[in-house]
Amino acid sequence: MQQNQPAIAPEPPAPDAPPAPGGPPRPVRSPLLPLAAVAAAFALVQLLLVVPGRWLGWDETVYVSQVDPRVPAAFFSAPRARGVTFLVAPVLAVTSSPVVLHSCLALLSAAALVLGLWLWRGLLPTPVLVLAGALFAGLWPTLFYGPQVMPNLWVAFAGLAATGWVARAVTCGRAGRREALGVGAAVAVAALMRPTDAVWLACPLLVSVWWWGRGGLRRTLPVAVLGGLVVGGAQWVVEAYTSYGGLARRLHRASEIQGGLGWHVSFDDQVRALQGSILCRPCTLPWRHPETGLWWFALGALTVAAAVWVAAAGRGRAQAPGLLPVGDGEPVLDRTRPLRVALLAGTAAALPYLLTVDYAAPRFLLPAYVQLVLPAAWVLFALTRTVAGGKEAARGAGGGRGPVGRVRPWAVAVLIAVLLGHEAVQFGVLRTVDARTLRGQTAIAEVAEALHGAGVRSPCVISGEQALRIAYRAGCASRQVGGHDGSITGAGLVRLARSQPVAVVVPEARRRPRWATGWRRVTLPVVSGLSGGRLRAYVALPGEGRP
């Protein structure tokens, strides 16, 4: 007869261990508070270091003038979309103060960062999401463009939300109305901001659904993605027919303005632009500060490592530490899928700007960076943990999650030291870029004041060098006789001068335009910060005698 053995109490599960097979799912701790802390720091840095003293940049002036009732609208070229103008229209209806406008956008960008990462809750561990948010928010292009009226960062946040919804659906194996509406809304926002970028976002989403989706997923989510593209891009397409002669002509003109889209490998241009160039065109900038691009190469290496690691884990040849169950009672099919979706989306977002555009701007790759920091942060998180063995490994494998492991304090210390050094470089570049931007904006204000003293007052027209920003600051319309923004002839400006003040601004070394013969020369103040160097103006006021 066998004697009764004393019952052995089961070993308590680790705090982040997966549920036992067949058991109820373990609830996942909400990452909202730590993500909110990252976003608060993101907003605070913008409000303290970027917003003060800032006026409007060139592209910002174009977008703001479209919805600012106090000034004439600037020429709106073919590549641009009006999504960001809709975003700032409520603020501009109340005030045109750049401080108020930029402060509102700083707070909105921080909220968008929290929302985008929160949609990934349960798909990746909270430390990975927090680290990814800190890495992205700490880049100088993210901080610089956070409060600006520019579309690229908003495309990034919309893409992060869209991939979060798709990753959740393909990981859990189902998509209800919530997921479909979330994906569709996120893609629509991206299409409103930049329709072409939205197409590059939609492609990896559709591939993810087709490759990993089953049953209803393959019907519901593609409709949501394509529906978002149609809803968000409809205004741009309609405008193509009403203002640009059709969709094909608008696309062709947009390509011309961007230098002719084609096969242009610009990896090196993007790296050199990270030294502090907001637009490297043509990108002949020497690479004098390699330390500013180290993180770019590190992000690429971590992305490749994540792709190799996840591919091996999917074939059962390697374990993927740190992947958590989704929670909320949702089943989990393959916990490497969230990283796969992020890798696909980040790669797709980077390709057009690395391979088809022959110049560089750090803002172009923000939609790629926000996706790729997720697998990069996951690799860094994994490197700070030991490889589990024995019962610990068995427990991880039993849940299909990979080893739990323990934290390596020395690895965490090294990671913190490296990240602090990285942030020191980012803040150094940010201060340089911000100081240069403020000098240029101060110069614009001084030129506008000098023209105002010469009698150029609203309603008025300004043409020539830096006309767009000078005109907005002076309350005038800007009209150009050539270039991408050409919308009038010299003879047309002469006719306008009969009824309102007109000024043409030219570099000191350039001759007076032939059509401005007889216009009064105005000496402008010597100012620093303008790419055109010292400027002068020729002014015509109604009633002035001219030959």
Protein backbone atom coordinates (compact mmCIF):
# COMPACT_ATOMS: atom_id res chain seq x y z
CA MET A 1 0.00 0.00 0.00
CA GLN A 2 1.37 3.36 -0.96
CA GLN A 3 1.55 5.93 1.76
CA ASN A 4 0.10 9.36 1.15
CA GLN A 5 2.83 11.84 0.29
CA PRO A 6 2.63 15.36 1.68
CA ALA A 7 1.38 17.86 -0.86
CA ILE A 8 4.06 20.08 -2.33
CA ALA A 9 3.06 23.69 -2.75
CA PRO A 10 3.55 24.86 -6.32
CA GLU A 11 6.33 27.31 -6.94
CA PRO A 12 4.90 30.81 -7.20
CA PRO A 13 5.12 32.21 -10.72
CA ALA A 14 7.43 35.05 -11.58
CA PRO A 15 5.75 38.44 -11.68
CA ASP A 16 5.94 38.58 -15.47
CA ALA A 17 5.69 34.86 -16.16
CA PRO A 18 3.14 33.66 -18.69
CA PRO A 19 0.05 31.77 -17.63
CA ALA A 20 0.17 28.02 -17.32
CA PRO A 21 -1.06 26.20 -20.41
CA GLY A 22 -4.83 26.00 -20.27
CA GLY A 23 -5.01 28.41 -17.32
CA PRO A 24 -6.42 31.90 -17.22
CA PRO A 25 -4.20 34.62 -18.65
CA ARG A 26 -2.21 36.65 -16.18
CA PRO A 27 -3.16 40.34 -16.28
CA VAL A 28 -0.49 42.63 -17.67
CA ARG A 29 0.46 45.67 -15.62
CA SER A 30 -0.50 48.88 -17.40
CA PRO A 31 2.49 50.84 -18.75
CA LEU A 32 0.53 54.11 -18.71
CA LEU A 33 2.30 55.76 -15.77
CA PRO A 34 5.90 55.14 -16.90
CA LEU A 35 4.98 56.11 -20.47
CA ALA A 36 3.34 59.27 -19.17
CA ALA A 37 6.57 60.09 -17.32
CA VAL A 38 8.56 59.78 -20.55
CA ALA A 39 6.04 61.95 -22.38
CA ALA A 40 6.11 64.57 -19.61
CA ALA A 41 9.89 64.80 -19.92
CA PHE A 42 9.52 65.02 -23.72
CA ALA A 43 7.08 67.92 -23.40
CA LEU A 44 9.13 69.67 -20.74
CA VAL A 45 12.31 69.67 -22.82
CA GLN A 46 10.40 71.10 -25.79
CA LEU A 47 8.78 73.83 -23.70
CA LEU A 48 12.05 74.83 -22.03
CA LEU A 49 14.61 74.44 -24.81
CA VAL A 50 12.83 74.57 -28.17
CA VAL A 51 9.71 76.73 -27.90
CA PRO A 52 11.08 79.94 -26.27
CA GLY A 53 11.83 82.66 -28.82
CA ARG A 54 10.86 80.47 -31.76
CA TRP A 55 9.01 82.00 -34.72
CA LEU A 56 7.93 80.09 -37.84
CA GLY A 57 10.27 78.31 -40.23
CA TRP A 58 9.92 78.25 -44.01
CA ASP A 59 7.66 75.21 -44.29
CA GLU A 60 5.76 76.17 -41.16
CA THR A 61 4.95 79.54 -42.73
CA VAL A 62 3.44 77.82 -45.76
CA TYR A 63 1.23 75.57 -43.65
CA VAL A 64 0.18 78.21 -41.11
CA SER A 65 -0.66 80.82 -43.74
CA GLN A 66 -3.26 78.46 -45.24
CA VAL A 67 -5.50 78.75 -42.16
CA ASP A 68 -4.36 81.98 -40.49
CA PRO A 69 -7.14 84.52 -41.20
CA ARG A 70 -4.74 87.44 -40.54
CA VAL A 71 -2.42 86.94 -43.53
CA PRO A 72 -2.72 85.91 -47.20
CA ALA A 73 -2.13 82.23 -47.95
CA ALA A 74 1.30 81.39 -49.34
CA PHE A 75 1.79 79.31 -52.50
CA PHE A 76 1.00 75.66 -51.74
CA SER A 77 3.20 73.40 -53.84
CA ALA A 78 2.22 70.00 -55.22
CA PRO A 79 3.97 67.67 -52.70
CA ARG A 80 2.35 69.26 -49.66
CA ALA A 81 -0.79 68.02 -47.93
CA ARG A 82 -3.14 69.96 -45.68
CA GLY A 83 -3.40 67.57 -42.73
CA VAL A 84 -1.14 69.56 -40.44
CA THR A 85 -3.00 72.77 -41.32
CA PHE A 86 -6.22 71.13 -40.08
CA LEU A 87 -4.40 70.21 -36.88
CA VAL A 88 -3.40 73.80 -36.07
CA ALA A 89 -6.49 75.57 -37.45
CA PRO A 90 -8.33 75.67 -34.07
CA VAL A 91 -5.35 77.39 -32.41
CA LEU A 92 -4.93 79.90 -35.24
CA ALA A 93 -8.62 80.75 -35.09
CA VAL A 94 -7.91 82.18 -31.63
CA THR A 95 -4.34 83.48 -31.89
CA SER A 96 -1.37 83.57 -34.24
CA SER A 97 1.15 83.67 -31.40
CA PRO A 98 4.01 81.31 -32.27
CA VAL A 99 4.62 80.63 -28.56
CA VAL A 100 1.04 79.50 -28.01
CA LEU A 101 1.00 77.50 -31.23
CA HIS A 102 4.28 75.73 -30.53
CA SER A 103 3.37 75.10 -26.90
CA CYS A 104 0.11 73.42 -27.93
CA LEU A 105 1.93 71.22 -30.43
CA ALA A 106 4.56 70.28 -27.83
CA LEU A 107 1.82 69.04 -25.51
CA LEU A 108 -0.04 67.30 -28.34
CA SER A 109 3.10 65.50 -29.52
CA ALA A 110 3.74 64.25 -25.99
CA ALA A 111 0.16 62.96 -25.77
CA ALA A 112 0.50 61.28 -29.18
CA LEU A 113 3.69 59.53 -28.02
CA VAL A 114 1.88 58.09 -25.00
CA LEU A 115 -1.11 56.96 -27.06
CA GLY A 116 0.99 55.34 -29.78
CA LEU A 117 3.09 53.33 -27.31
CA TRP A 118 0.14 52.50 -25.06
CA LEU A 119 -1.48 50.68 -27.98
CA TRP A 120 1.47 48.26 -27.77
CA ARG A 121 0.74 47.41 -24.13
CA GLY A 122 1.00 43.70 -23.44
CA LEU A 123 2.62 43.03 -26.80
CA LEU A 124 6.03 43.98 -25.44
CA PRO A 125 7.23 44.34 -21.85
CA THR A 126 6.71 47.69 -20.19
CA PRO A 127 10.49 48.32 -19.89
CA VAL A 128 10.82 47.86 -23.65
CA LEU A 129 8.04 50.35 -24.37
CA VAL A 130 9.47 52.88 -21.93
CA LEU A 131 12.97 52.50 -23.33
CA ALA A 132 11.68 52.78 -26.91
CA GLY A 133 9.76 55.94 -26.02
CA ALA A 134 12.80 57.48 -24.35
CA LEU A 135 15.06 56.60 -27.29
CA PHE A 136 12.72 58.17 -29.83
CA ALA A 137 11.82 61.21 -27.74
CA GLY A 138 15.50 61.85 -26.99
CA LEU A 139 16.56 62.24 -30.63
CA TRP A 140 17.27 65.83 -31.59
CA PRO A 141 15.05 65.68 -34.73
CA THR A 142 12.12 64.49 -32.57
CA LEU A 143 12.65 67.28 -30.03
CA PHE A 144 13.21 69.90 -32.74
CA TYR A 145 10.10 69.02 -34.74
CA GLY A 146 7.87 68.14 -31.79
CA PRO A 147 6.46 71.70 -31.48
CA GLN A 148 6.70 72.58 -35.17
CA VAL A 149 3.90 72.81 -37.72
CA MET A 150 5.35 69.99 -39.78
CA PRO A 151 3.70 66.70 -40.84
CA ASN A 152 6.51 64.14 -40.50
CA LEU A 153 6.29 63.54 -36.75
CA TRP A 154 2.53 63.14 -36.96
CA VAL A 155 2.95 60.56 -39.71
CA ALA A 156 5.29 58.76 -37.31
CA PHE A 157 2.78 58.74 -34.46
CA ALA A 158 -0.05 57.65 -36.76
CA GLY A 159 2.13 54.84 -38.09
CA LEU A 160 3.01 53.72 -34.57
CA ALA A 161 -0.68 53.51 -33.71
CA ALA A 162 -1.56 51.67 -36.93
CA THR A 163 1.15 49.04 -36.47
CA GLY A 164 0.11 48.63 -32.83
CA TRP A 165 -3.43 47.77 -33.82
CA VAL A 166 -2.28 45.38 -36.56
CA ALA A 167 0.31 43.74 -34.31
CA ARG A 168 -2.35 43.10 -31.68
CA ALA A 169 -4.74 41.62 -34.23
CA VAL A 170 -2.25 39.25 -35.88
CA THR A 171 -0.83 38.24 -32.49
CA CYS A 172 -4.22 37.45 -30.98
CA GLY A 173 -5.65 36.01 -34.19
CA ARG A 174 -8.75 38.18 -34.31
CA ALA A 175 -9.85 41.70 -35.21
CA GLY A 176 -13.11 43.23 -34.04
CA ARG A 177 -14.66 46.58 -34.73
CA ARG A 178 -12.24 48.30 -32.32
CA GLU A 179 -9.16 47.08 -34.17
CA ALA A 180 -10.61 47.88 -37.58
CA LEU A 181 -11.62 51.40 -36.59
CA GLY A 182 -8.26 51.98 -34.90
CA VAL A 183 -6.24 50.89 -37.92
CA GLY A 184 -8.43 52.82 -40.35
CA ALA A 185 -8.29 56.03 -38.29
CA ALA A 186 -4.51 55.85 -37.89
CA VAL A 187 -3.91 55.29 -41.61
CA ALA A 188 -6.35 58.11 -42.43
CA VAL A 189 -4.40 60.52 -40.22
CA ALA A 190 -1.16 59.52 -41.91
CA ALA A 191 -2.74 60.03 -45.34
CA LEU A 192 -4.03 63.46 -44.35
CA MET A 193 -0.53 64.46 -43.29
CA ARG A 194 1.47 62.92 -46.16
CA PRO A 195 -0.40 60.67 -48.63
CA THR A 196 2.71 59.11 -50.15
CA ASP A 197 4.09 58.21 -46.72
CA ALA A 198 0.73 56.64 -45.90
CA VAL A 199 1.04 54.37 -48.93
CA TRP A 200 4.42 53.19 -47.66
CA LEU A 201 2.79 52.59 -44.27
CA ALA A 202 -0.14 50.67 -45.72
CA CYS A 203 2.05 48.22 -47.65
CA PRO A 204 3.68 46.49 -44.63
CA LEU A 205 0.35 46.49 -42.81
CA LEU A 206 -1.31 44.64 -45.67
CA VAL A 207 1.64 42.24 -45.96
CA SER A 208 1.46 41.52 -42.21
CA VAL A 209 -2.24 40.77 -42.36
CA TRP A 210 -1.87 38.59 -45.44
CA TRP A 211 1.12 36.68 -44.06
CA TRP A 212 0.08 36.16 -40.45
CA GLY A 213 -3.66 36.78 -40.49
CA ARG A 214 -6.24 34.05 -40.63
CA GLY A 215 -9.90 33.92 -41.51
CA GLY A 216 -11.75 37.14 -40.81
CA LEU A 217 -8.53 39.07 -40.30
CA ARG A 218 -7.79 38.88 -44.00
CA ARG A 219 -11.16 40.43 -44.76
CA THR A 220 -11.54 43.02 -42.02
CA LEU A 221 -8.14 44.67 -41.70
CA PRO A 222 -7.33 45.16 -45.42
CA VAL A 223 -10.66 46.95 -45.81
CA ALA A 224 -9.79 49.14 -42.82
CA VAL A 225 -6.30 49.95 -44.14
CA LEU A 226 -7.49 50.75 -47.67
CA GLY A 227 -10.48 52.65 -46.32
CA GLY A 228 -8.17 54.80 -44.22
CA LEU A 229 -6.06 55.55 -47.29
CA VAL A 230 -9.14 56.60 -49.26
CA VAL A 231 -10.65 58.74 -46.51
CA GLY A 232 -7.39 60.44 -45.57
CA GLY A 233 -6.13 60.92 -49.12
CA ALA A 234 -9.41 62.03 -50.69
CA GLN A 235 -8.82 65.74 -50.08
CA TRP A 236 -5.36 65.58 -51.66
CA VAL A 237 -6.69 63.75 -54.70
CA VAL A 238 -9.64 66.14 -55.13
CA GLU A 239 -7.27 69.10 -54.82
CA ALA A 240 -5.08 67.53 -57.51
CA TYR A 241 -7.95 67.84 -59.98
CA THR A 242 -9.14 71.27 -58.85
CA SER A 243 -5.76 73.01 -58.58
CA TYR A 244 -3.03 70.97 -60.31
CA GLY A 245 -4.59 69.61 -63.49
CA GLY A 246 -5.16 66.06 -62.30
CA LEU A 247 -3.61 63.41 -60.11
CA ALA A 248 -0.92 62.37 -62.59
CA ARG A 249 0.19 65.97 -63.13
CA ARG A 250 0.32 66.64 -59.41
CA LEU A 251 2.44 63.55 -58.80
CA HIS A 252 4.74 64.51 -61.66
CA ARG A 253 5.08 68.06 -60.37
CA ALA A 254 5.70 66.79 -56.83
CA SER A 255 8.51 64.59 -58.15
CA GLU A 256 10.04 67.55 -60.01
CA ILE A 257 10.00 69.74 -56.91
CA GLN A 258 11.68 66.97 -54.92
CA GLY A 259 14.49 66.82 -57.44
CA GLY A 260 13.14 63.98 -59.55
CA LEU A 261 12.32 60.81 -57.66
CA GLY A 262 14.27 57.80 -58.84
CA TRP A 263 17.16 55.59 -57.84
CA HIS A 264 19.17 57.77 -55.45
CA VAL A 265 21.08 56.06 -52.63
CA SER A 266 21.29 58.61 -49.83
CA PHE A 267 22.38 56.68 -46.75
CA ASP A 268 25.45 58.89 -46.39
CA ASP A 269 23.40 62.06 -46.89
CA GLN A 270 21.09 61.14 -44.04
CA VAL A 271 24.00 60.41 -41.70
CA ARG A 272 25.78 63.68 -42.51
CA ALA A 273 22.55 65.65 -42.05
CA LEU A 274 22.42 64.42 -38.44
CA GLN A 275 25.24 66.86 -37.66
CA GLY A 276 22.58 69.55 -37.48
CA SER A 277 21.38 70.23 -41.02
CA ILE A 278 17.60 70.49 -41.20
CA LEU A 279 17.76 70.33 -45.01
CA CYS A 280 20.84 68.98 -46.75
CA ARG A 281 20.13 69.86 -50.42
CA PRO A 282 22.41 69.35 -52.22
CA CYS A 283 24.04 67.37 -49.48
CA THR A 284 27.69 68.36 -49.83
CA LEU A 285 28.13 68.78 -46.08
CA PRO A 286 31.42 67.24 -44.88
CA TRP A 287 31.23 64.67 -42.08
CA ARG A 288 33.12 66.59 -39.41
CA HIS A 289 31.30 65.19 -36.38
CA PRO A 290 31.00 61.39 -36.70
CA GLU A 291 29.77 61.12 -33.11
CA THR A 292 26.43 62.58 -34.20
CA GLY A 293 25.78 59.55 -36.41
CA LEU A 294 26.88 56.75 -34.10
CA TRP A 295 23.34 56.16 -32.88
CA TRP A 296 22.17 55.80 -36.50
CA PHE A 297 24.55 52.91 -37.10
CA ALA A 298 23.70 51.43 -33.69
CA LEU A 299 19.99 51.52 -34.54
CA GLY A 300 20.69 49.70 -37.79
CA ALA A 301 22.78 47.05 -36.02
CA LEU A 302 20.15 46.52 -33.33
CA THR A 303 17.44 46.27 -35.98
CA VAL A 304 19.37 43.59 -37.85
CA ALA A 305 20.02 41.75 -34.57
CA ALA A 306 16.32 41.84 -33.72
CA ALA A 307 15.38 40.55 -37.18
CA VAL A 308 17.86 37.65 -36.96
CA TRP A 309 16.86 36.83 -33.39
CA VAL A 310 13.14 36.89 -34.13
CA ALA A 311 13.55 34.84 -37.30
CA ALA A 312 15.52 32.21 -35.38
CA ALA A 313 12.97 32.20 -32.57
CA GLY A 314 10.18 31.70 -35.07
CA ARG A 315 11.94 28.56 -36.32
CA GLY A 316 12.54 27.30 -32.80
CA ARG A 317 16.31 27.75 -33.07
CA ALA A 318 16.53 30.53 -30.48
CA GLN A 319 14.55 31.82 -27.58
CA ALA A 320 13.10 35.30 -27.53
CA PRO A 321 13.39 36.69 -24.02
CA GLY A 322 11.04 39.29 -22.69
CA LEU A 323 7.98 38.67 -24.86
CA LEU A 324 4.83 38.83 -22.79
CA PRO A 325 1.29 37.49 -23.19
CA VAL A 326 -1.19 40.01 -24.48
CA GLY A 327 -3.50 39.92 -21.47
CA ASP A 328 -7.12 41.06 -21.26
CA GLY A 329 -8.14 37.45 -21.83
CA GLU A 330 -6.79 37.47 -25.38
CA PRO A 331 -5.11 34.34 -26.74
CA VAL A 332 -1.59 34.57 -28.07
CA LEU A 333 -0.52 32.79 -31.25
CA ASP A 334 3.04 33.98 -31.84
CA ARG A 335 4.66 36.52 -29.59
CA THR A 336 7.34 37.44 -32.12
CA ARG A 337 4.76 38.92 -34.47
CA PRO A 338 4.66 42.40 -32.88
CA LEU A 339 8.35 42.79 -33.54
CA ARG A 340 7.98 41.46 -37.06
CA VAL A 341 5.27 44.04 -37.82
CA ALA A 342 7.42 46.86 -36.42
CA LEU A 343 10.45 45.69 -38.42
CA LEU A 344 8.45 45.59 -41.64
CA ALA A 345 6.84 48.98 -41.08
CA GLY A 346 10.10 50.67 -40.11
CA THR A 347 11.94 49.30 -43.11
CA ALA A 348 9.16 50.32 -45.50
CA ALA A 349 9.04 53.85 -44.05
CA ALA A 350 12.80 54.29 -44.56
CA LEU A 351 13.12 52.90 -48.09
CA PRO A 352 11.72 55.83 -50.14
CA TYR A 353 13.98 58.36 -48.41
CA LEU A 354 17.08 56.20 -48.51
CA LEU A 355 16.72 55.00 -52.10
CA THR A 356 14.63 57.48 -54.12
CA VAL A 357 15.39 61.02 -52.88
CA ASP A 358 18.72 62.64 -53.74
CA TYR A 359 18.93 64.87 -50.67
CA ALA A 360 18.40 64.48 -46.93
CA ALA A 361 16.50 65.93 -44.02
CA PRO A 362 16.47 64.28 -40.58
CA ARG A 363 12.69 64.67 -40.32
CA PHE A 364 12.14 62.38 -43.32
CA LEU A 365 13.06 59.26 -41.33
CA LEU A 366 11.06 59.99 -38.16
CA PRO A 367 8.29 57.54 -39.24
CA ALA A 368 10.97 54.84 -39.61
CA TYR A 369 12.75 55.63 -36.35
CA VAL A 370 9.58 55.36 -34.25
CA GLN A 371 9.00 51.83 -35.52
CA LEU A 372 12.59 50.60 -35.36
CA VAL A 373 13.22 51.75 -31.78
CA LEU A 374 10.79 49.03 -30.66
CA PRO A 375 12.91 46.03 -31.79
CA ALA A 376 16.06 47.97 -30.86
CA ALA A 377 14.78 48.53 -27.33
CA TRP A 378 13.77 44.87 -27.14
CA VAL A 379 17.33 43.76 -27.99
CA LEU A 380 18.79 46.14 -25.41
CA PHE A 381 16.32 44.84 -22.83
CA ALA A 382 17.28 41.25 -23.63
CA LEU A 383 20.99 42.04 -23.29
CA THR A 384 20.44 43.22 -19.74
CA ARG A 385 19.04 39.84 -18.67
CA THR A 386 20.72 36.53 -18.01
CA VAL A 387 19.96 33.42 -20.03
CA ALA A 388 17.74 31.28 -17.84
CA GLY A 389 18.40 27.64 -17.26
CA GLY A 390 16.91 24.68 -15.44
CA LYS A 391 13.45 25.17 -13.95
CA GLU A 392 13.43 28.82 -15.02
CA ALA A 393 13.99 27.94 -18.67
CA ALA A 394 11.43 25.15 -18.50
CA ARG A 395 8.88 27.52 -17.06
CA GLY A 396 9.55 30.03 -19.85
CA ALA A 397 9.43 27.41 -22.57
CA GLY A 398 6.24 25.95 -21.14
CA GLY A 399 4.52 29.27 -21.64
CA GLY A 400 5.98 29.63 -25.11
CA ARG A 401 7.59 32.87 -24.03
CA GLY A 402 11.30 32.29 -23.77
CA PRO A 403 13.45 32.39 -20.65
CA VAL A 404 12.54 34.75 -17.84
CA GLY A 405 16.13 35.34 -16.74
CA ARG A 406 17.40 37.84 -14.23
CA VAL A 407 18.62 41.39 -14.57
CA ARG A 408 22.35 41.91 -15.02
CA PRO A 409 23.12 44.99 -12.89
CA TRP A 410 26.39 45.65 -14.66
CA ALA A 411 24.69 45.47 -18.07
CA VAL A 412 22.05 47.95 -16.92
CA ALA A 413 24.76 50.29 -15.63
CA VAL A 414 26.64 50.12 -18.95
CA LEU A 415 23.42 50.74 -20.89
CA ILE A 416 22.56 53.78 -18.77
CA ALA A 417 26.06 55.21 -19.23
CA VAL A 418 25.90 54.74 -23.00
CA LEU A 419 22.44 56.30 -23.21
CA LEU A 420 23.53 59.30 -21.15
CA GLY A 421 26.44 59.88 -23.52
CA HIS A 422 24.10 59.51 -26.47
CA GLU A 423 21.70 62.08 -25.02
CA ALA A 424 24.56 64.50 -24.36
CA VAL A 425 25.39 64.42 -28.07
CA GLN A 426 21.72 64.83 -29.05
CA PHE A 427 21.26 67.85 -26.79
CA GLY A 428 24.46 69.37 -28.11
CA VAL A 429 23.21 69.13 -31.70
CA LEU A 430 19.78 70.42 -30.65
CA ARG A 431 21.29 73.53 -29.07
CA THR A 432 23.35 74.22 -32.20
CA VAL A 433 20.38 73.80 -34.55
CA ASP A 434 18.10 75.84 -32.34
CA ALA A 435 20.59 78.70 -32.03
CA ARG A 436 21.08 78.81 -35.80
CA THR A 437 17.32 78.76 -36.34
CA LEU A 438 16.77 81.64 -33.92
CA ARG A 439 19.45 83.73 -35.65
CA GLY A 440 17.74 83.23 -39.00
CA GLN A 441 14.32 84.09 -37.61
CA THR A 442 15.68 87.22 -35.94
CA ALA A 443 17.17 88.26 -39.27
CA ILE A 444 13.80 87.79 -40.97
CA ALA A 445 12.13 89.99 -38.35
CA GLU A 446 14.70 92.78 -38.87
CA VAL A 447 14.26 92.71 -42.65
CA ALA A 448 10.46 92.81 -42.30
CA GLU A 449 10.75 95.78 -39.95
CA ALA A 450 13.02 97.64 -42.38
CA LEU A 451 10.54 97.12 -45.22
CA HIS A 452 7.71 98.27 -42.99
CA GLY A 453 9.68 101.46 -42.35
CA ALA A 454 10.05 101.91 -46.12
CA GLY A 455 6.28 101.94 -46.53
CA VAL A 456 5.60 98.28 -47.28
CA ARG A 457 2.47 97.73 -45.21
CA SER A 458 -0.52 95.44 -45.58
CA PRO A 459 -2.02 94.89 -48.07
CA CYS A 460 1.28 94.39 -49.85
CA VAL A 461 3.30 91.89 -51.88
CA ILE A 462 6.90 90.74 -51.39
CA SER A 463 8.94 88.73 -53.89
CA GLY A 464 12.48 87.44 -54.13
CA GLU A 465 14.96 86.12 -51.57
CA GLN A 466 13.34 84.75 -48.39
CA ALA A 467 10.09 86.37 -49.54
CA LEU A 468 7.87 83.74 -47.99
CA ARG A 469 8.96 84.29 -44.38
CA ILE A 470 9.49 88.04 -44.75
CA ALA A 471 6.01 88.44 -46.21
CA TYR A 472 4.34 86.50 -43.41
CA ARG A 473 6.18 88.54 -40.78
CA ALA A 474 5.22 91.80 -42.54
CA GLY A 475 1.60 90.77 -43.10
CA CYS A 476 2.04 90.69 -46.88
CA ALA A 477 1.43 88.17 -49.63
CA SER A 478 4.43 86.41 -51.17
CA ARG A 479 4.61 85.95 -54.94
CA GLN A 480 7.55 84.55 -56.90
CA VAL A 481 8.38 85.07 -60.57
CA GLY A 482 10.16 81.73 -60.92
CA GLY A 483 11.22 78.54 -59.22
CA HIS A 484 9.02 75.90 -57.62
CA ASP A 485 6.72 78.57 -56.15
CA GLY A 486 6.45 80.65 -59.32
CA SER A 487 2.96 82.17 -59.48
CA ILE A 488 3.38 85.57 -61.20
CA THR A 489 5.48 87.39 -63.78
CA GLY A 490 7.57 90.53 -63.36
CA ALA A 491 5.01 92.43 -65.41
CA GLY A 492 2.32 91.19 -63.05
CA LEU A 493 4.20 92.58 -60.07
CA VAL A 494 4.52 95.93 -61.85
CA ARG A 495 0.75 96.01 -62.34
CA LEU A 496 0.17 95.16 -58.67
CA ALA A 497 2.45 98.03 -57.65
CA ARG A 498 -0.10 100.49 -59.03
CA SER A 499 -2.55 99.56 -56.27
CA GLN A 500 -0.44 98.31 -53.32
CA PRO A 501 3.14 98.34 -52.04
CA VAL A 502 5.41 95.79 -53.72
CA ALA A 503 8.97 94.90 -52.74
CA VAL A 504 11.50 92.56 -54.31
CA VAL A 505 14.35 91.34 -52.09
CA VAL A 506 17.61 90.28 -53.73
CA PRO A 507 21.12 89.36 -52.53
CA GLU A 508 23.55 92.27 -52.46
CA ALA A 509 25.62 90.77 -55.27
CA ARG A 510 22.66 90.34 -57.64
CA ARG A 511 21.57 92.98 -60.13
CA ARG A 512 18.28 94.81 -59.97
CA PRO A 513 15.54 92.87 -61.82
CA ARG A 514 14.89 94.45 -65.19
CA TRP A 515 11.19 94.82 -64.51
CA ALA A 516 11.97 96.75 -61.27
CA THR A 517 13.68 99.63 -63.11
CA GLY A 518 12.87 102.88 -61.35
CA TRP A 519 11.85 101.23 -58.08
CA ARG A 520 13.31 102.77 -54.95
CA ARG A 521 16.31 100.99 -53.51
CA VAL A 522 16.10 100.21 -49.80
CA THR A 523 19.20 99.26 -47.85
CA LEU A 524 18.38 96.46 -45.44
CA PRO A 525 20.16 95.95 -42.13
CA VAL A 526 23.22 93.75 -42.04
CA VAL A 527 21.95 90.63 -40.33
CA SER A 528 23.37 87.18 -39.73
CA GLY A 529 21.59 83.88 -40.09
CA LEU A 530 20.25 84.15 -43.65
CA SER A 531 21.55 81.79 -46.30
CA GLY A 532 21.43 84.52 -48.93
CA GLY A 533 23.86 86.76 -47.04
CA ARG A 534 23.38 90.52 -47.07
CA LEU A 535 20.19 91.61 -48.81
CA ARG A 536 18.77 94.71 -50.42
CA ALA A 537 15.26 95.54 -51.63
CA TYR A 538 13.60 97.48 -54.39
CA VAL A 539 10.28 98.99 -53.38
CA ALA A 540 7.40 100.44 -55.37
CA LEU A 541 4.59 102.27 -53.59
CA PRO A 542 1.33 103.38 -55.23
CA GLY A 543 1.62 106.96 -56.44
CA GLU A 544 5.43 107.05 -56.51
CA GLY A 545 6.85 108.45 -59.74
CA ARG A 546 8.62 105.82 -61.83
CA PRO A 547 9.92 105.98 -65.40
